[in-house]
Amino acid sequence: MRAGIDRLIENLSQTIVGKHEAIRFVMVSLLAGGHTLLEDVPGVGKTLLAKSLARSIDGKFQRVQCTPDLLPSDVTGTNIWNPSRGEFEFLPGPVFANILLADEVNRATPRTQSALLEVMEEQQVTIDGLSRPVPRPFFVIATQNPVEYQGTFPLPEAQMDRFLLALSLGYPTESEELMMLQRLQQATPVEALKPCISLEEVQQLQQHCRAVKVEESLQRYMLALVRATREDEALTLGVSPRGCVALHRAVQAIAFLDNRDFALPDDVKLLAPAVLAHRVIPSGSESSRTVIERLLNTVAIPDSEMLVGK
């Protein structure tokens, strides 16, 4: 199973220059069965990352360009009348894919944003009282520009809570940008990508992640961190129980990526800002990420020897 992960990371690295940590975090989200929110300026590779991932796992890729006039049915699909058959026929929307890119998701109206709530949590779409499952695995990558606010609708807390983690790709270094130009001189890298792992193997990897052992002392550490966000005066909204479960699954996934069958406190410290910061609302000038990092320095860490059974 480890060979499949290595092939997937190597495949993504062919199109995404540098950004090894970002690729690892996206892999964590995929293997944990979650979704990813990419908050970054245009042109840093967010769409390229989603397309590359879909090609690498031989999955169906769909892209939704979110705009204020986008309707919920444009996302989920709708029933249309078929006169030749004399009945309504379901026309599936772009959510019926393995990798869904919701580009500039905060430009869609709250009504349209809500169309993603059910499918991101339950992996199904309910229209006219009938529920239809989406393909498995189902992975949403949503993007939003953190700088541009005109004509946008901030994502509600319920929507933000459905993203397993949020991260930023950031600008490449000078050497990475030069390498990118040299690659693009020959061809568009994503078009040359070949599948390196099947959808069935991805699902198997997700199951293996759930088998990673998380000792009770580490679970209590995560719980203490989550509960601290609910009591901190710098936050008006703390992390929900869903957020605690998301952190647990992300920790299992990063341990699995590192070829371990057990999780460590360092896994929690690495992932907590990306998994928890977008789920809280600060009450003052202190940013949500700063609050999470401060709490990581104050919440007691369990003894590592107990975690590996020594």
C-alpha atoms as a PDB file:
ATOM      1  CA  MET A   1       0.000   0.000   0.000  1.00  0.00           C
ATOM      2  CA  ARG A   2       2.894   2.363   0.700  1.00  0.00           C
ATOM      3  CA  ALA A   3       4.001   2.118  -2.931  1.00  0.00           C
ATOM      4  CA  GLY A   4       0.672   3.566  -4.058  1.00  0.00           C
ATOM      5  CA  ILE A   5       1.129   6.631  -1.854  1.00  0.00           C
ATOM      6  CA  ASP A   6       4.673   7.204  -3.100  1.00  0.00           C
ATOM      7  CA  ARG A   7       3.512   6.959  -6.721  1.00  0.00           C
ATOM      8  CA  LEU A   8       0.702   9.433  -6.082  1.00  0.00           C
ATOM      9  CA  ILE A   9       2.941  12.000  -4.391  1.00  0.00           C
ATOM     10  CA  GLU A  10       5.551  11.642  -7.147  1.00  0.00           C
ATOM     11  CA  ASN A  11       2.866  12.107  -9.812  1.00  0.00           C
ATOM     12  CA  LEU A  12       1.581  15.298  -8.203  1.00  0.00           C
ATOM     13  CA  SER A  13       5.123  16.618  -7.897  1.00  0.00           C
ATOM     14  CA  GLN A  14       5.468  16.450 -11.692  1.00  0.00           C
ATOM     15  CA  THR A  15       2.987  19.301 -12.110  1.00  0.00           C
ATOM     16  CA  ILE A  16       3.136  21.089  -8.741  1.00  0.00           C
ATOM     17  CA  VAL A  17       6.642  22.509  -8.376  1.00  0.00           C
ATOM     18  CA  GLY A  18       7.754  22.589  -4.745  1.00  0.00           C
ATOM     19  CA  LYS A  19       4.872  22.816  -2.254  1.00  0.00           C
ATOM     20  CA  HIS A  20       5.706  19.402  -0.787  1.00  0.00           C
ATOM     21  CA  GLU A  21       3.997  20.244   2.497  1.00  0.00           C
ATOM     22  CA  ALA A  22       0.840  21.401   0.698  1.00  0.00           C
ATOM     23  CA  ILE A  23       0.762  18.155  -1.309  1.00  0.00           C
ATOM     24  CA  ARG A  24       1.126  16.167   1.906  1.00  0.00           C
ATOM     25  CA  PHE A  25      -1.743  18.054   3.507  1.00  0.00           C
ATOM     26  CA  VAL A  26      -4.004  17.474   0.501  1.00  0.00           C
ATOM     27  CA  MET A  27      -3.096  13.804   0.694  1.00  0.00           C
ATOM     28  CA  VAL A  28      -4.028  13.826   4.381  1.00  0.00           C
ATOM     29  CA  SER A  29      -7.431  15.268   3.527  1.00  0.00           C
ATOM     30  CA  LEU A  30      -8.021  12.719   0.755  1.00  0.00           C
ATOM     31  CA  LEU A  31      -6.967   9.707   2.832  1.00  0.00           C
ATOM     32  CA  ALA A  32      -8.969  10.896   5.838  1.00  0.00           C
ATOM     33  CA  GLY A  33     -12.093  11.114   3.678  1.00  0.00           C
ATOM     34  CA  GLY A  34     -12.398  14.879   4.102  1.00  0.00           C
ATOM     35  CA  HIS A  35     -12.383  17.984   1.912  1.00  0.00           C
ATOM     36  CA  THR A  36      -9.914  20.842   1.431  1.00  0.00           C
ATOM     37  CA  LEU A  37     -10.308  24.619   1.317  1.00  0.00           C
ATOM     38  CA  LEU A  38      -7.497  26.437  -0.507  1.00  0.00           C
ATOM     39  CA  GLU A  39      -7.353  30.092   0.489  1.00  0.00           C
ATOM     40  CA  ASP A  40      -4.922  31.865  -1.804  1.00  0.00           C
ATOM     41  CA  VAL A  41      -4.483  34.502  -4.475  1.00  0.00           C
ATOM     42  CA  PRO A  42      -5.172  33.567  -8.115  1.00  0.00           C
ATOM     43  CA  GLY A  43      -2.567  31.817 -10.221  1.00  0.00           C
ATOM     44  CA  VAL A  44      -0.621  29.810  -7.641  1.00  0.00           C
ATOM     45  CA  GLY A  45      -1.751  26.357  -8.820  1.00  0.00           C
ATOM     46  CA  LYS A  46      -4.999  25.583  -7.001  1.00  0.00           C
ATOM     47  CA  THR A  47      -6.851  24.396 -10.111  1.00  0.00           C
ATOM     48  CA  LEU A  48      -3.752  22.601 -11.375  1.00  0.00           C
ATOM     49  CA  LEU A  49      -3.524  20.674  -8.110  1.00  0.00           C
ATOM     50  CA  ALA A  50      -7.155  19.513  -8.339  1.00  0.00           C
ATOM     51  CA  LYS A  51      -6.803  18.438 -11.991  1.00  0.00           C
ATOM     52  CA  SER A  52      -3.530  16.648 -11.308  1.00  0.00           C
ATOM     53  CA  LEU A  53      -5.042  14.727  -8.419  1.00  0.00           C
ATOM     54  CA  ALA A  54      -8.034  13.638 -10.510  1.00  0.00           C
ATOM     55  CA  ARG A  55      -5.788  12.417 -13.338  1.00  0.00           C
ATOM     56  CA  SER A  56      -3.478  10.621 -10.912  1.00  0.00           C
ATOM     57  CA  ILE A  57      -6.258   8.548  -9.330  1.00  0.00           C
ATOM     58  CA  ASP A  58      -8.056   8.008 -12.663  1.00  0.00           C
ATOM     59  CA  GLY A  59     -11.110   9.757 -11.266  1.00  0.00           C
ATOM     60  CA  LYS A  60     -13.828  11.877 -12.802  1.00  0.00           C
ATOM     61  CA  PHE A  61     -13.061  15.585 -12.472  1.00  0.00           C
ATOM     62  CA  GLN A  62     -15.654  18.337 -12.479  1.00  0.00           C
ATOM     63  CA  ARG A  63     -15.211  22.072 -12.040  1.00  0.00           C
ATOM     64  CA  VAL A  64     -17.788  24.615 -10.907  1.00  0.00           C
ATOM     65  CA  GLN A  65     -17.006  28.285 -11.400  1.00  0.00           C
ATOM     66  CA  CYS A  66     -18.963  29.901  -8.598  1.00  0.00           C
ATOM     67  CA  THR A  67     -20.681  33.183  -9.449  1.00  0.00           C
ATOM     68  CA  PRO A  68     -23.581  35.106  -7.856  1.00  0.00           C
ATOM     69  CA  ASP A  69     -26.022  33.826 -10.513  1.00  0.00           C
ATOM     70  CA  LEU A  70     -25.104  30.156  -9.984  1.00  0.00           C
ATOM     71  CA  LEU A  71     -28.137  28.128  -8.848  1.00  0.00           C
ATOM     72  CA  PRO A  72     -28.182  25.123  -6.488  1.00  0.00           C
ATOM     73  CA  SER A  73     -29.445  22.941  -9.337  1.00  0.00           C
ATOM     74  CA  ASP A  74     -26.375  23.957 -11.370  1.00  0.00           C
ATOM     75  CA  VAL A  75     -24.335  22.164  -8.713  1.00  0.00           C
ATOM     76  CA  THR A  76     -26.439  19.181  -7.683  1.00  0.00           C
ATOM     77  CA  GLY A  77     -28.452  18.512 -10.841  1.00  0.00           C
ATOM     78  CA  THR A  78     -32.184  18.603 -11.522  1.00  0.00           C
ATOM     79  CA  ASN A  79     -35.122  16.648 -12.900  1.00  0.00           C
ATOM     80  CA  ILE A  80     -36.087  17.604 -16.462  1.00  0.00           C
ATOM     81  CA  TRP A  81     -39.106  16.509 -18.478  1.00  0.00           C
ATOM     82  CA  ASN A  82     -38.384  13.990 -21.237  1.00  0.00           C
ATOM     83  CA  PRO A  83     -41.260  14.301 -23.746  1.00  0.00           C
ATOM     84  CA  SER A  84     -40.265  11.188 -25.700  1.00  0.00           C
ATOM     85  CA  ARG A  85     -40.500   9.017 -22.583  1.00  0.00           C
ATOM     86  CA  GLY A  86     -43.311  10.950 -20.951  1.00  0.00           C
ATOM     87  CA  GLU A  87     -41.533  11.218 -17.592  1.00  0.00           C
ATOM     88  CA  PHE A  88     -39.051  13.269 -15.633  1.00  0.00           C
ATOM     89  CA  GLU A  89     -35.397  12.373 -16.072  1.00  0.00           C
ATOM     90  CA  PHE A  90     -32.590  13.226 -13.659  1.00  0.00           C
ATOM     91  CA  LEU A  91     -29.778  15.301 -15.107  1.00  0.00           C
ATOM     92  CA  PRO A  92     -26.824  14.941 -12.692  1.00  0.00           C
ATOM     93  CA  GLY A  93     -24.840  18.027 -11.734  1.00  0.00           C
ATOM     94  CA  PRO A  94     -21.072  18.357 -11.391  1.00  0.00           C
ATOM     95  CA  VAL A  95     -21.115  17.005  -7.808  1.00  0.00           C
ATOM     96  CA  PHE A  96     -21.407  13.537  -9.334  1.00  0.00           C
ATOM     97  CA  ALA A  97     -17.664  13.219  -9.676  1.00  0.00           C
ATOM     98  CA  ASN A  98     -14.676  11.922  -7.717  1.00  0.00           C
ATOM     99  CA  ILE A  99     -12.875  15.265  -7.561  1.00  0.00           C
ATOM    100  CA  LEU A 100     -15.019  18.410  -7.493  1.00  0.00           C
ATOM    101  CA  LEU A 101     -13.341  21.797  -7.775  1.00  0.00           C
ATOM    102  CA  ALA A 102     -15.567  24.576  -6.442  1.00  0.00           C
ATOM    103  CA  ASP A 103     -13.611  27.557  -7.742  1.00  0.00           C
ATOM    104  CA  GLU A 104     -14.071  30.842  -5.871  1.00  0.00           C
ATOM    105  CA  VAL A 105     -16.738  29.236  -3.725  1.00  0.00           C
ATOM    106  CA  ASN A 106     -17.327  32.438  -1.768  1.00  0.00           C
ATOM    107  CA  ARG A 107     -18.665  34.136  -4.927  1.00  0.00           C
ATOM    108  CA  ALA A 108     -21.721  31.875  -4.863  1.00  0.00           C
ATOM    109  CA  THR A 109     -24.775  33.033  -2.915  1.00  0.00           C
ATOM    110  CA  PRO A 110     -25.533  31.421   0.477  1.00  0.00           C
ATOM    111  CA  ARG A 111     -28.398  29.520  -1.170  1.00  0.00           C
ATOM    112  CA  THR A 112     -26.029  27.921  -3.676  1.00  0.00           C
ATOM    113  CA  GLN A 113     -23.324  27.338  -1.072  1.00  0.00           C
ATOM    114  CA  SER A 114     -25.874  25.365   0.943  1.00  0.00           C
ATOM    115  CA  ALA A 115     -26.206  22.921  -1.971  1.00  0.00           C
ATOM    116  CA  LEU A 116     -22.836  21.508  -0.943  1.00  0.00           C
ATOM    117  CA  LEU A 117     -23.708  20.928   2.721  1.00  0.00           C
ATOM    118  CA  GLU A 118     -25.411  17.551   2.335  1.00  0.00           C
ATOM    119  CA  VAL A 119     -23.073  16.072  -0.244  1.00  0.00           C
ATOM    120  CA  MET A 120     -19.911  17.064   1.651  1.00  0.00           C
ATOM    121  CA  GLU A 121     -21.149  15.441   4.846  1.00  0.00           C
ATOM    122  CA  GLU A 122     -23.231  12.469   3.660  1.00  0.00           C
ATOM    123  CA  GLN A 123     -21.877  11.936   0.127  1.00  0.00           C
ATOM    124  CA  GLN A 124     -25.348  12.009  -1.344  1.00  0.00           C
ATOM    125  CA  VAL A 125     -27.707  14.478  -3.010  1.00  0.00           C
ATOM    126  CA  THR A 126     -31.424  14.661  -2.231  1.00  0.00           C
ATOM    127  CA  ILE A 127     -33.673  16.113  -4.944  1.00  0.00           C
ATOM    128  CA  ASP A 128     -37.473  15.913  -4.895  1.00  0.00           C
ATOM    129  CA  GLY A 129     -37.312  13.548  -1.928  1.00  0.00           C
ATOM    130  CA  LEU A 130     -34.999  11.022  -3.598  1.00  0.00           C
ATOM    131  CA  SER A 131     -31.418  10.607  -2.370  1.00  0.00           C
ATOM    132  CA  ARG A 132     -28.704   9.693  -4.859  1.00  0.00           C
ATOM    133  CA  PRO A 133     -25.163   8.728  -3.769  1.00  0.00           C
ATOM    134  CA  VAL A 134     -22.199  10.400  -5.444  1.00  0.00           C
ATOM    135  CA  PRO A 135     -19.217   8.354  -6.712  1.00  0.00           C
ATOM    136  CA  ARG A 136     -16.631   7.128  -4.186  1.00  0.00           C
ATOM    137  CA  PRO A 137     -14.172   8.414  -3.317  1.00  0.00           C
ATOM    138  CA  PHE A 138     -15.674  11.904  -3.288  1.00  0.00           C
ATOM    139  CA  PHE A 139     -13.331  14.792  -2.629  1.00  0.00           C
ATOM    140  CA  VAL A 140     -14.134  18.509  -2.758  1.00  0.00           C
ATOM    141  CA  ILE A 141     -11.406  21.097  -3.282  1.00  0.00           C
ATOM    142  CA  ALA A 142     -12.818  24.588  -2.866  1.00  0.00           C
ATOM    143  CA  THR A 143     -10.898  27.797  -3.450  1.00  0.00           C
ATOM    144  CA  GLN A 144     -11.381  31.361  -2.360  1.00  0.00           C
ATOM    145  CA  ASN A 145      -9.363  34.559  -2.681  1.00  0.00           C
ATOM    146  CA  PRO A 146      -8.622  35.923   0.817  1.00  0.00           C
ATOM    147  CA  VAL A 147      -7.759  39.372  -0.543  1.00  0.00           C
ATOM    148  CA  GLU A 148     -10.722  40.196  -2.771  1.00  0.00           C
ATOM    149  CA  TYR A 149     -14.003  40.767  -0.907  1.00  0.00           C
ATOM    150  CA  GLN A 150     -16.136  42.716  -3.404  1.00  0.00           C
ATOM    151  CA  GLY A 151     -18.997  40.587  -4.700  1.00  0.00           C
ATOM    152  CA  THR A 152     -18.329  37.721  -2.287  1.00  0.00           C
ATOM    153  CA  PHE A 153     -20.420  35.951   0.338  1.00  0.00           C
ATOM    154  CA  PRO A 154     -18.453  34.680   3.358  1.00  0.00           C
ATOM    155  CA  LEU A 155     -18.828  30.952   3.937  1.00  0.00           C
ATOM    156  CA  PRO A 156     -21.070  30.198   6.929  1.00  0.00           C
ATOM    157  CA  GLU A 157     -19.703  28.327   9.921  1.00  0.00           C
ATOM    158  CA  ALA A 158     -21.572  25.145   8.942  1.00  0.00           C
ATOM    159  CA  GLN A 159     -19.868  25.163   5.543  1.00  0.00           C
ATOM    160  CA  MET A 160     -16.407  25.882   6.935  1.00  0.00           C
ATOM    161  CA  ASP A 161     -16.831  23.051   9.433  1.00  0.00           C
ATOM    162  CA  ARG A 162     -17.190  20.562   6.584  1.00  0.00           C
ATOM    163  CA  PHE A 163     -13.677  21.173   5.303  1.00  0.00           C
ATOM    164  CA  LEU A 164     -11.241  18.848   7.007  1.00  0.00           C
ATOM    165  CA  LEU A 165      -8.455  21.380   6.601  1.00  0.00           C
ATOM    166  CA  ALA A 166      -7.743  24.772   5.090  1.00  0.00           C
ATOM    167  CA  LEU A 167      -4.377  25.752   3.701  1.00  0.00           C
ATOM    168  CA  SER A 168      -2.555  28.181   1.442  1.00  0.00           C
ATOM    169  CA  LEU A 169      -0.172  27.214  -1.358  1.00  0.00           C
ATOM    170  CA  GLY A 170       1.655  30.547  -1.358  1.00  0.00           C
ATOM    171  CA  TYR A 171       3.978  31.937  -3.996  1.00  0.00           C
ATOM    172  CA  PRO A 172       6.793  29.697  -5.269  1.00  0.00           C
ATOM    173  CA  THR A 173      10.434  30.510  -4.606  1.00  0.00           C
ATOM    174  CA  GLU A 174      12.524  31.995  -7.419  1.00  0.00           C
ATOM    175  CA  SER A 175      14.108  28.636  -8.256  1.00  0.00           C
ATOM    176  CA  GLU A 176      10.716  26.882  -8.198  1.00  0.00           C
ATOM    177  CA  GLU A 177       9.189  29.497 -10.494  1.00  0.00           C
ATOM    178  CA  LEU A 178      12.098  29.116 -12.930  1.00  0.00           C
ATOM    179  CA  MET A 179      11.595  25.336 -12.936  1.00  0.00           C
ATOM    180  CA  MET A 180       7.899  25.895 -13.627  1.00  0.00           C
ATOM    181  CA  LEU A 181       8.693  28.059 -16.673  1.00  0.00           C
ATOM    182  CA  GLN A 182      11.110  25.453 -18.003  1.00  0.00           C
ATOM    183  CA  ARG A 183       8.525  22.706 -17.688  1.00  0.00           C
ATOM    184  CA  LEU A 184       5.818  24.747 -19.385  1.00  0.00           C
ATOM    185  CA  GLN A 185       8.150  25.490 -22.302  1.00  0.00           C
ATOM    186  CA  GLN A 186       7.801  21.914 -23.511  1.00  0.00           C
ATOM    187  CA  ALA A 187       4.161  21.040 -22.757  1.00  0.00           C
ATOM    188  CA  THR A 188       1.367  21.431 -20.263  1.00  0.00           C
ATOM    189  CA  PRO A 189       2.421  18.948 -17.546  1.00  0.00           C
ATOM    190  CA  VAL A 190      -1.098  18.034 -16.404  1.00  0.00           C
ATOM    191  CA  GLU A 191      -2.041  16.798 -19.893  1.00  0.00           C
ATOM    192  CA  ALA A 192       0.856  14.349 -19.823  1.00  0.00           C
ATOM    193  CA  LEU A 193      -0.028  12.880 -16.435  1.00  0.00           C
ATOM    194  CA  LYS A 194      -1.021   9.228 -16.371  1.00  0.00           C
ATOM    195  CA  PRO A 195      -3.066   7.483 -13.648  1.00  0.00           C
ATOM    196  CA  CYS A 196      -0.781   5.949 -11.067  1.00  0.00           C
ATOM    197  CA  ILE A 197      -3.359   4.567  -8.644  1.00  0.00           C
ATOM    198  CA  SER A 198      -6.939   3.360  -9.018  1.00  0.00           C
ATOM    199  CA  LEU A 199     -10.047   4.608  -7.257  1.00  0.00           C
ATOM    200  CA  GLU A 200     -10.328   1.238  -5.534  1.00  0.00           C
ATOM    201  CA  GLU A 201      -6.795   1.584  -4.175  1.00  0.00           C
ATOM    202  CA  VAL A 202      -7.636   5.060  -2.824  1.00  0.00           C
ATOM    203  CA  GLN A 203     -10.588   3.593  -0.926  1.00  0.00           C
ATOM    204  CA  GLN A 204      -8.371   0.824   0.426  1.00  0.00           C
ATOM    205  CA  LEU A 205      -5.852   3.409   1.608  1.00  0.00           C
ATOM    206  CA  GLN A 206      -8.647   5.288   3.363  1.00  0.00           C
ATOM    207  CA  GLN A 207      -9.616   2.113   5.188  1.00  0.00           C
ATOM    208  CA  HIS A 208      -6.010   1.479   6.227  1.00  0.00           C
ATOM    209  CA  CYS A 209      -5.822   4.995   7.666  1.00  0.00           C
ATOM    210  CA  ARG A 210      -8.721   4.235   9.992  1.00  0.00           C
ATOM    211  CA  ALA A 211      -6.675   1.338  11.418  1.00  0.00           C
ATOM    212  CA  VAL A 212      -3.868   3.619  12.640  1.00  0.00           C
ATOM    213  CA  LYS A 213      -3.744   3.411  16.432  1.00  0.00           C
ATOM    214  CA  VAL A 214      -4.415   6.560  18.460  1.00  0.00           C
ATOM    215  CA  GLU A 215      -3.807   5.988  22.155  1.00  0.00           C
ATOM    216  CA  GLU A 216      -6.319   7.316  24.681  1.00  0.00           C
ATOM    217  CA  SER A 217      -3.753   9.744  26.095  1.00  0.00           C
ATOM    218  CA  LEU A 218      -3.366  11.309  22.637  1.00  0.00           C
ATOM    219  CA  GLN A 219      -7.134  11.410  22.180  1.00  0.00           C
ATOM    220  CA  ARG A 220      -7.396  13.249  25.492  1.00  0.00           C
ATOM    221  CA  TYR A 221      -4.727  15.676  24.287  1.00  0.00           C
ATOM    222  CA  MET A 222      -6.752  16.462  21.170  1.00  0.00           C
ATOM    223  CA  LEU A 223      -9.909  16.786  23.223  1.00  0.00           C
ATOM    224  CA  ALA A 224      -8.199  19.170  25.662  1.00  0.00           C
ATOM    225  CA  LEU A 225      -7.017  21.300  22.750  1.00  0.00           C
ATOM    226  CA  VAL A 226     -10.494  21.425  21.208  1.00  0.00           C
ATOM    227  CA  ARG A 227     -12.189  22.226  24.507  1.00  0.00           C
ATOM    228  CA  ALA A 228      -9.642  24.971  25.155  1.00  0.00           C
ATOM    229  CA  THR A 229     -10.862  26.765  22.023  1.00  0.00           C
ATOM    230  CA  ARG A 230     -14.376  26.852  23.492  1.00  0.00           C
ATOM    231  CA  GLU A 231     -13.160  28.491  26.676  1.00  0.00           C
ATOM    232  CA  ASP A 232     -10.588  30.934  25.305  1.00  0.00           C
ATOM    233  CA  GLU A 233     -11.653  34.580  25.600  1.00  0.00           C
ATOM    234  CA  ALA A 234     -10.008  35.416  22.271  1.00  0.00           C
ATOM    235  CA  LEU A 235     -12.591  33.285  20.435  1.00  0.00           C
ATOM    236  CA  THR A 236     -16.340  33.798  20.100  1.00  0.00           C
ATOM    237  CA  LEU A 237     -16.784  30.361  18.535  1.00  0.00           C
ATOM    238  CA  GLY A 238     -14.754  27.267  19.429  1.00  0.00           C
ATOM    239  CA  VAL A 239     -14.167  24.017  17.586  1.00  0.00           C
ATOM    240  CA  SER A 240     -17.178  21.731  17.177  1.00  0.00           C
ATOM    241  CA  PRO A 241     -17.230  17.978  17.895  1.00  0.00           C
ATOM    242  CA  ARG A 242     -17.017  17.488  14.120  1.00  0.00           C
ATOM    243  CA  GLY A 243     -13.750  19.402  14.233  1.00  0.00           C
ATOM    244  CA  CYS A 244     -12.418  17.093  16.930  1.00  0.00           C
ATOM    245  CA  VAL A 245     -13.267  14.050  14.787  1.00  0.00           C
ATOM    246  CA  ALA A 246     -11.606  15.732  11.798  1.00  0.00           C
ATOM    247  CA  LEU A 247      -8.410  16.268  13.777  1.00  0.00           C
ATOM    248  CA  HIS A 248      -8.435  12.621  14.870  1.00  0.00           C
ATOM    249  CA  ARG A 249      -8.793  11.372  11.288  1.00  0.00           C
ATOM    250  CA  ALA A 250      -6.182  13.790   9.980  1.00  0.00           C
ATOM    251  CA  VAL A 251      -3.708  12.619  12.618  1.00  0.00           C
ATOM    252  CA  GLN A 252      -4.298   9.010  11.565  1.00  0.00           C
ATOM    253  CA  ALA A 253      -3.724   9.958   7.914  1.00  0.00           C
ATOM    254  CA  ILE A 254      -0.449  11.815   8.509  1.00  0.00           C
ATOM    255  CA  ALA A 255       0.878   8.903  10.583  1.00  0.00           C
ATOM    256  CA  PHE A 256      -0.066   6.544   7.744  1.00  0.00           C
ATOM    257  CA  LEU A 257       1.704   8.805   5.235  1.00  0.00           C
ATOM    258  CA  ASP A 258       4.800   8.652   7.420  1.00  0.00           C
ATOM    259  CA  ASN A 259       4.620   4.852   7.360  1.00  0.00           C
ATOM    260  CA  ARG A 260       3.623   4.494  11.015  1.00  0.00           C
ATOM    261  CA  ASP A 261       0.781   2.456  12.499  1.00  0.00           C
ATOM    262  CA  PHE A 262       0.498   4.779  15.504  1.00  0.00           C
ATOM    263  CA  ALA A 263       0.017   8.537  15.940  1.00  0.00           C
ATOM    264  CA  LEU A 264       2.204  10.947  17.916  1.00  0.00           C
ATOM    265  CA  PRO A 265       1.712  14.363  19.575  1.00  0.00           C
ATOM    266  CA  ASP A 266       3.882  15.898  16.846  1.00  0.00           C
ATOM    267  CA  ASP A 267       1.196  14.888  14.337  1.00  0.00           C
ATOM    268  CA  VAL A 268      -1.363  16.897  16.292  1.00  0.00           C
ATOM    269  CA  LYS A 269       0.926  19.919  16.558  1.00  0.00           C
ATOM    270  CA  LEU A 270       1.642  19.820  12.827  1.00  0.00           C
ATOM    271  CA  LEU A 271      -1.984  19.540  11.711  1.00  0.00           C
ATOM    272  CA  ALA A 272      -3.929  21.471  14.355  1.00  0.00           C
ATOM    273  CA  PRO A 273      -3.571  24.934  12.744  1.00  0.00           C
ATOM    274  CA  ALA A 274      -4.745  23.671   9.340  1.00  0.00           C
ATOM    275  CA  VAL A 275      -7.582  21.571  10.788  1.00  0.00           C
ATOM    276  CA  LEU A 276      -8.868  23.864  13.537  1.00  0.00           C
ATOM    277  CA  ALA A 277      -8.112  27.498  12.649  1.00  0.00           C
ATOM    278  CA  HIS A 278     -10.868  27.859  10.029  1.00  0.00           C
ATOM    279  CA  ARG A 279     -13.456  26.444  12.448  1.00  0.00           C
ATOM    280  CA  VAL A 280     -13.115  29.181  15.074  1.00  0.00           C
ATOM    281  CA  ILE A 281     -14.089  32.869  15.103  1.00  0.00           C
ATOM    282  CA  PRO A 282     -11.731  35.320  16.829  1.00  0.00           C
ATOM    283  CA  SER A 283     -13.228  38.054  18.987  1.00  0.00           C
ATOM    284  CA  GLY A 284     -10.315  40.498  18.799  1.00  0.00           C
ATOM    285  CA  SER A 285      -7.221  41.366  16.804  1.00  0.00           C
ATOM    286  CA  GLU A 286      -5.573  37.982  17.374  1.00  0.00           C
ATOM    287  CA  SER A 287      -5.970  35.751  14.309  1.00  0.00           C
ATOM    288  CA  SER A 288      -7.545  32.321  14.611  1.00  0.00           C
ATOM    289  CA  ARG A 289      -4.313  30.606  13.571  1.00  0.00           C
ATOM    290  CA  THR A 290      -2.364  32.538  16.205  1.00  0.00           C
ATOM    291  CA  VAL A 291      -4.850  31.440  18.879  1.00  0.00           C
ATOM    292  CA  ILE A 292      -4.506  27.777  17.874  1.00  0.00           C
ATOM    293  CA  GLU A 293      -0.716  27.997  17.931  1.00  0.00           C
ATOM    294  CA  ARG A 294      -0.841  29.663  21.354  1.00  0.00           C
ATOM    295  CA  LEU A 295      -3.080  26.908  22.719  1.00  0.00           C
ATOM    296  CA  LEU A 296      -0.688  24.295  21.339  1.00  0.00           C
ATOM    297  CA  ASN A 297       1.981  25.837  23.549  1.00  0.00           C
ATOM    298  CA  THR A 298      -0.200  25.782  26.663  1.00  0.00           C
ATOM    299  CA  VAL A 299      -2.117  22.481  26.531  1.00  0.00           C
ATOM    300  CA  ALA A 300      -0.163  19.688  28.201  1.00  0.00           C
ATOM    301  CA  ILE A 301       1.380  17.132  25.855  1.00  0.00           C
ATOM    302  CA  PRO A 302       1.133  13.423  26.755  1.00  0.00           C
ATOM    303  CA  ASP A 303       4.233  11.324  27.313  1.00  0.00           C
ATOM    304  CA  SER A 304       5.479   9.974  23.973  1.00  0.00           C
ATOM    305  CA  GLU A 305       6.700   6.738  25.558  1.00  0.00           C
ATOM    306  CA  MET A 306       3.136   5.869  26.567  1.00  0.00           C
ATOM    307  CA  LEU A 307       1.958   6.411  22.971  1.00  0.00           C
ATOM    308  CA  VAL A 308       4.269   3.812  21.434  1.00  0.00           C
ATOM    309  CA  GLY A 309       3.765   1.325  24.226  1.00  0.00           C
ATOM    310  CA  LYS A 310       7.283   1.404  25.647  1.00  0.00           C
END
